[in-house]
């Protein structure tokens, strides 16, 4: 009589690296499933990308991108760190203590993973934007819209490479002279900027959108700090990279996507007991 014995193998535990990937996949599928419908004006996201070149729109996009706090604040920060030896002292402290990531290697690995996460999130949010219900026009609009965002990322990477070669600043670990500005940081902030623009076009609860957009900036900031802890860049390298990325990506997106203009900033006056108050609201 033959006997068959079934051996039960224990299910392998998911590693910490697998879990974020599975979570991102689930979020991406959920967001992509909402990519139907249209924008408030009845158009499809990406439908009018590169369709017309309005000089007034291009000039306004350049001005708004430069004057954005996401450009000016890190740019000012980079200037502050360039004073005296502040850059080097903070870099030395970060690499000696590695307070966030624990080691230089873990910091470098984290910067790679966070950058990949932001790249995949940009794709997921682009798919989730409303581009209509018909497959053909939906796909055409997505291709056009993603081409604009891809151009923003590629332009950011290209300018970063040109500046690295022209400036020739040595990295803190002395591996090469491509320290300024940080490529990991500029690419990550380009992804974060594109994702946040996409979130502006997705129908989300009012309280959810700013939380997600702030989270994207924090994740990109995590990449920046990881490059400092990983002894790859000085603080001014990553701050300038963040400013460059936001300016280039926001400019290209707003100039050539040709979406309905969202109210990115609003100034509201309201009465109070002793006079009047002013409220400034800024969207990412």
Protein backbone atom coordinates (compact mmCIF):
# COMPACT_ATOMS: atom_id res chain seq x y z
CA UNK A 1 0.00 0.00 0.00
CA UNK A 2 1.48 3.27 -1.09
CA UNK A 3 1.63 6.04 1.42
CA UNK A 4 1.75 9.69 0.48
CA UNK A 5 3.00 12.18 2.97
CA UNK A 6 2.35 15.87 2.40
CA UNK A 7 4.88 18.19 3.92
CA UNK A 8 3.69 21.64 4.80
CA UNK A 9 6.33 24.24 4.19
CA UNK A 10 6.17 27.36 6.30
CA UNK A 11 5.17 30.43 4.37
CA UNK A 12 8.13 32.76 3.97
CA UNK A 13 7.83 36.05 5.76
CA UNK A 14 7.74 39.15 3.65
CA UNK A 15 10.81 41.29 4.00
CA UNK A 16 10.63 44.98 4.74
CA UNK A 17 11.64 45.66 1.15
CA UNK A 18 8.77 43.59 -0.26
CA UNK A 19 6.04 45.12 1.88
CA UNK A 20 6.28 48.72 0.58
CA UNK A 21 6.26 47.38 -2.95
CA UNK A 22 3.07 45.41 -2.34
CA UNK A 23 1.48 48.40 -0.66
CA UNK A 24 2.41 50.66 -3.57
CA UNK A 25 1.02 48.12 -6.03
CA UNK A 26 -2.29 48.03 -4.17
CA UNK A 27 -2.46 51.83 -4.02
CA UNK A 28 -1.58 52.09 -7.70
CA UNK A 29 -4.29 49.66 -8.74
CA UNK A 30 -6.83 51.48 -6.61
CA UNK A 31 -5.89 54.87 -8.04
CA UNK A 32 -5.70 53.64 -11.62
CA UNK A 33 -9.21 52.28 -11.33
CA UNK A 34 -10.43 55.86 -10.80
CA UNK A 35 -8.80 57.29 -13.94
CA UNK A 36 -12.08 57.66 -15.82
CA UNK A 37 -14.35 60.67 -16.09
CA UNK A 38 -13.16 64.09 -17.16
CA UNK A 39 -11.76 67.28 -15.70
CA UNK A 40 -14.19 69.96 -14.45
CA UNK A 41 -14.16 71.70 -17.85
CA UNK A 42 -15.07 68.44 -19.62
CA UNK A 43 -11.61 67.82 -21.10
CA UNK A 44 -9.40 64.78 -20.54
CA UNK A 45 -6.17 64.98 -18.56
CA UNK A 46 -3.36 65.04 -21.14
CA UNK A 47 -5.71 65.70 -24.06
CA UNK A 48 -4.27 69.15 -24.82
CA UNK A 49 -0.65 68.45 -23.84
CA UNK A 50 1.70 70.12 -26.34
CA UNK A 51 -1.41 71.10 -28.35
CA UNK A 52 -0.63 74.82 -28.35
CA UNK A 53 2.25 77.06 -27.32
CA UNK A 54 0.85 80.17 -25.66
CA UNK A 55 3.62 82.67 -24.90
CA UNK A 56 1.62 84.24 -22.08
CA UNK A 57 0.99 80.84 -20.49
CA UNK A 58 4.66 79.89 -20.82
CA UNK A 59 5.81 83.17 -19.26
CA UNK A 60 3.34 82.80 -16.40
CA UNK A 61 4.43 79.20 -15.82
CA UNK A 62 8.08 80.28 -15.58
CA UNK A 63 7.25 83.10 -13.17
CA UNK A 64 5.02 80.95 -10.96
CA UNK A 65 7.54 78.09 -10.88
CA UNK A 66 10.37 80.42 -9.84
CA UNK A 67 8.35 82.30 -7.21
CA UNK A 68 6.95 79.11 -5.68
CA UNK A 69 8.03 78.49 -2.07
CA UNK A 70 9.13 75.02 -3.23
CA UNK A 71 11.76 76.74 -5.37
CA UNK A 72 12.72 79.77 -3.29
CA UNK A 73 12.97 78.13 0.15
CA UNK A 74 15.46 75.37 -0.79
CA UNK A 75 17.34 77.87 -2.98
CA UNK A 76 17.73 80.20 0.00
CA UNK A 77 18.72 77.24 2.15
CA UNK A 78 21.45 76.28 -0.29
CA UNK A 79 22.79 79.84 -0.13
CA UNK A 80 22.84 79.75 3.68
CA UNK A 81 24.75 76.45 3.76
CA UNK A 82 27.31 77.88 1.33
CA UNK A 83 28.37 80.43 3.96
CA UNK A 84 31.75 79.69 5.55
CA UNK A 85 32.17 75.95 6.32
CA UNK A 86 28.58 75.32 7.44
CA UNK A 87 28.09 72.83 4.59
CA UNK A 88 31.07 70.70 5.61
CA UNK A 89 30.30 70.79 9.33
CA UNK A 90 26.72 69.60 8.87
CA UNK A 91 27.88 66.92 6.43
CA UNK A 92 30.49 65.66 8.90
CA UNK A 93 27.92 65.58 11.72
CA UNK A 94 25.40 63.69 9.59
CA UNK A 95 27.86 61.05 8.42
CA UNK A 96 29.35 60.59 11.89
CA UNK A 97 25.98 60.24 13.63
CA UNK A 98 23.72 58.91 10.81
CA UNK A 99 20.75 59.76 13.07
CA UNK A 100 17.98 58.73 10.65
CA UNK A 101 19.25 55.76 8.64
CA UNK A 102 21.82 54.24 11.00
CA UNK A 103 24.71 53.83 8.56
CA UNK A 104 26.04 55.32 5.35
CA UNK A 105 25.17 52.19 3.36
CA UNK A 106 21.62 52.07 4.69
CA UNK A 107 21.23 55.74 3.85
CA UNK A 108 22.35 55.18 0.25
CA UNK A 109 20.06 52.16 -0.10
CA UNK A 110 17.15 54.15 1.31
CA UNK A 111 17.72 56.94 -1.19
CA UNK A 112 17.45 54.43 -4.04
CA UNK A 113 14.26 52.86 -2.68
CA UNK A 114 12.55 56.17 -1.94
CA UNK A 115 13.41 57.50 -5.39
CA UNK A 116 11.92 54.37 -6.98
CA UNK A 117 8.79 54.71 -4.84
CA UNK A 118 8.30 58.30 -6.03
CA UNK A 119 8.81 57.26 -9.65
CA UNK A 120 6.15 54.56 -9.38
CA UNK A 121 3.81 56.92 -7.58
CA UNK A 122 4.15 59.44 -10.41
CA UNK A 123 3.04 56.74 -12.83
CA UNK A 124 0.15 55.69 -10.57
CA UNK A 125 -1.13 59.25 -10.13
CA UNK A 126 -0.87 59.92 -13.87
CA UNK A 127 -2.97 56.82 -14.55
CA UNK A 128 -5.48 57.93 -11.93
CA UNK A 129 -6.13 61.33 -13.51
CA UNK A 130 -9.47 61.62 -15.35
CA UNK A 131 -8.95 61.01 -19.08
CA UNK A 132 -12.39 59.86 -20.18
CA UNK A 133 -14.17 56.53 -20.46
CA UNK A 134 -13.25 55.47 -24.01
CA UNK A 135 -10.14 53.32 -24.29
CA UNK A 136 -8.64 54.94 -27.38
CA UNK A 137 -8.90 58.60 -26.35
CA UNK A 138 -7.96 57.61 -22.78
CA UNK A 139 -4.72 55.98 -23.93
CA UNK A 140 -3.87 58.85 -26.29
CA UNK A 141 -4.40 61.42 -23.55
CA UNK A 142 -2.29 59.44 -21.08
CA UNK A 143 0.59 59.17 -23.56
CA UNK A 144 0.54 62.92 -24.22
CA UNK A 145 0.29 63.81 -20.55
CA UNK A 146 3.02 61.42 -19.50
CA UNK A 147 5.23 62.79 -22.28
CA UNK A 148 5.04 66.23 -20.67
CA UNK A 149 5.89 64.87 -17.25
CA UNK A 150 8.65 62.71 -18.69
CA UNK A 151 10.07 65.81 -20.36
CA UNK A 152 10.13 67.56 -17.00
CA UNK A 153 12.04 64.72 -15.35
CA UNK A 154 14.48 64.31 -18.26
CA UNK A 155 15.12 68.06 -18.42
CA UNK A 156 15.80 68.10 -14.69
CA UNK A 157 18.25 65.20 -14.98
CA UNK A 158 19.94 66.78 -17.99
CA UNK A 159 20.44 70.15 -16.31
CA UNK A 160 21.69 68.41 -13.18
CA UNK A 161 24.30 66.52 -15.20
CA UNK A 162 25.43 69.68 -17.02
CA UNK A 163 25.85 71.55 -13.73
CA UNK A 164 27.71 68.66 -12.13
CA UNK A 165 30.20 68.60 -14.98
CA UNK A 166 30.58 72.38 -15.12
CA UNK A 167 30.97 72.98 -11.38
CA UNK A 168 33.02 69.89 -10.57
CA UNK A 169 32.53 69.88 -6.81
CA UNK A 170 34.11 66.88 -5.10
CA UNK A 171 31.79 64.59 -3.17
CA UNK A 172 32.22 64.26 0.61
CA UNK A 173 33.48 60.69 0.09
CA UNK A 174 35.92 61.95 -2.59
CA UNK A 175 34.65 59.37 -5.12
CA UNK A 176 34.25 61.88 -7.97
CA UNK A 177 33.53 65.53 -8.72
CA UNK A 178 29.78 65.27 -9.35
CA UNK A 179 28.55 66.51 -5.98
CA UNK A 180 26.70 69.72 -6.96
CA UNK A 181 23.77 69.46 -7.42
CA UNK A 182 22.46 66.10 -6.20
CA UNK A 183 21.04 63.94 -8.99
CA UNK A 184 19.10 61.64 -6.66
CA UNK A 185 17.51 64.66 -5.01
CA UNK A 186 16.65 66.54 -8.19
CA UNK A 187 15.10 63.45 -9.76
CA UNK A 188 13.09 62.67 -6.61
CA UNK A 189 11.74 66.21 -6.32
CA UNK A 190 10.88 66.14 -10.03
CA UNK A 191 8.80 63.02 -9.39
CA UNK A 192 7.22 64.58 -6.29
CA UNK A 193 6.32 67.75 -8.19
CA UNK A 194 4.74 65.80 -11.05
CA UNK A 195 2.79 63.60 -8.62
CA UNK A 196 1.50 66.62 -6.76
CA UNK A 197 0.38 68.25 -10.00
CA UNK A 198 -1.44 65.01 -10.86
CA UNK A 199 -3.16 64.98 -7.49
CA UNK A 200 -4.52 68.45 -8.30
CA UNK A 201 -6.45 66.86 -11.18
CA UNK A 202 -7.80 63.86 -9.24
CA UNK A 203 -11.14 64.12 -7.46
CA UNK A 204 -10.12 63.61 -3.83
CA UNK A 205 -11.57 64.70 -0.49
CA UNK A 206 -10.38 68.19 0.39
CA UNK A 207 -8.54 66.97 3.48
CA UNK A 208 -6.75 64.12 1.69
CA UNK A 209 -5.03 65.96 -1.17
CA UNK A 210 -2.75 68.23 0.94
CA UNK A 211 -1.79 65.28 3.13
CA UNK A 212 -0.68 63.24 0.11
CA UNK A 213 1.11 66.21 -1.43
CA UNK A 214 2.94 67.00 1.79
CA UNK A 215 3.88 63.33 2.06
CA UNK A 216 5.47 63.45 -1.39
CA UNK A 217 7.61 66.42 -0.40
CA UNK A 218 8.63 64.63 2.80
CA UNK A 219 9.60 61.49 0.86
CA UNK A 220 11.70 63.53 -1.55
CA UNK A 221 13.23 65.30 1.44
CA UNK A 222 14.06 61.87 2.83
CA UNK A 223 16.02 61.14 -0.33
CA UNK A 224 17.88 64.42 0.08
CA UNK A 225 18.84 63.75 3.69
CA UNK A 226 19.80 60.16 2.88
CA UNK A 227 22.30 61.47 0.33
CA UNK A 228 23.84 63.64 3.03
CA UNK A 229 23.98 60.81 5.59
CA UNK A 230 25.33 58.50 2.89
CA UNK A 231 28.34 60.81 2.40
CA UNK A 232 27.37 61.44 -1.21
CA UNK A 233 26.39 65.10 -1.01
CA UNK A 234 26.60 68.24 1.07
CA UNK A 235 23.41 69.95 2.28
CA UNK A 236 23.70 72.73 -0.32
CA UNK A 237 23.92 70.08 -3.07
CA UNK A 238 20.57 68.56 -2.17
CA UNK A 239 18.84 71.87 -1.46
CA UNK A 240 19.83 73.31 -4.82
CA UNK A 241 18.79 70.04 -6.48
CA UNK A 242 15.35 70.32 -4.87
CA UNK A 243 14.94 73.92 -6.05
CA UNK A 244 16.10 73.12 -9.57
CA UNK A 245 13.77 70.13 -9.85
CA UNK A 246 10.68 71.97 -8.72
CA UNK A 247 11.33 74.93 -11.01
CA UNK A 248 11.98 72.85 -14.12
CA UNK A 249 9.23 70.27 -13.57
CA UNK A 250 6.56 72.75 -12.50
CA UNK A 251 7.42 75.07 -15.41
CA UNK A 252 7.25 72.35 -18.06
CA UNK A 253 4.08 70.85 -16.60
CA UNK A 254 2.19 74.14 -16.30
CA UNK A 255 3.43 75.54 -19.61
CA UNK A 256 2.76 72.56 -21.85
CA UNK A 257 0.11 70.36 -20.20
CA UNK A 258 -2.54 73.01 -20.98
CA UNK A 259 -4.78 72.01 -18.09
CA UNK A 260 -7.44 74.28 -16.56
CA UNK A 261 -5.67 76.63 -14.17
CA UNK A 262 -6.14 75.54 -10.54
CA UNK A 263 -6.22 78.15 -7.81
CA UNK A 264 -2.76 77.46 -6.37
CA UNK A 265 -2.86 80.47 -4.08
CA UNK A 266 -5.71 82.46 -2.61
CA UNK A 267 -5.74 85.54 -0.40
CA UNK A 268 -8.88 86.00 1.70
CA UNK A 269 -9.76 88.91 3.99
CA UNK A 270 -12.16 88.36 6.87
CA UNK A 271 -13.46 90.56 9.70
CA UNK A 272 -12.33 90.12 13.29
CA UNK A 273 -13.29 91.94 16.45
CA UNK A 274 -10.43 94.45 16.32
CA UNK A 275 -10.32 94.94 12.57
CA UNK A 276 -9.62 92.49 9.77
CA UNK A 277 -7.55 89.39 9.15
CA UNK A 278 -5.95 87.93 6.04
CA UNK A 279 -5.64 84.24 5.20
CA UNK A 280 -3.16 82.98 2.59
CA UNK A 281 -3.77 79.47 1.25
CA UNK A 282 -1.15 77.86 -0.99
CA UNK A 283 -1.61 74.56 -2.86
CA UNK A 284 1.39 72.35 -3.58
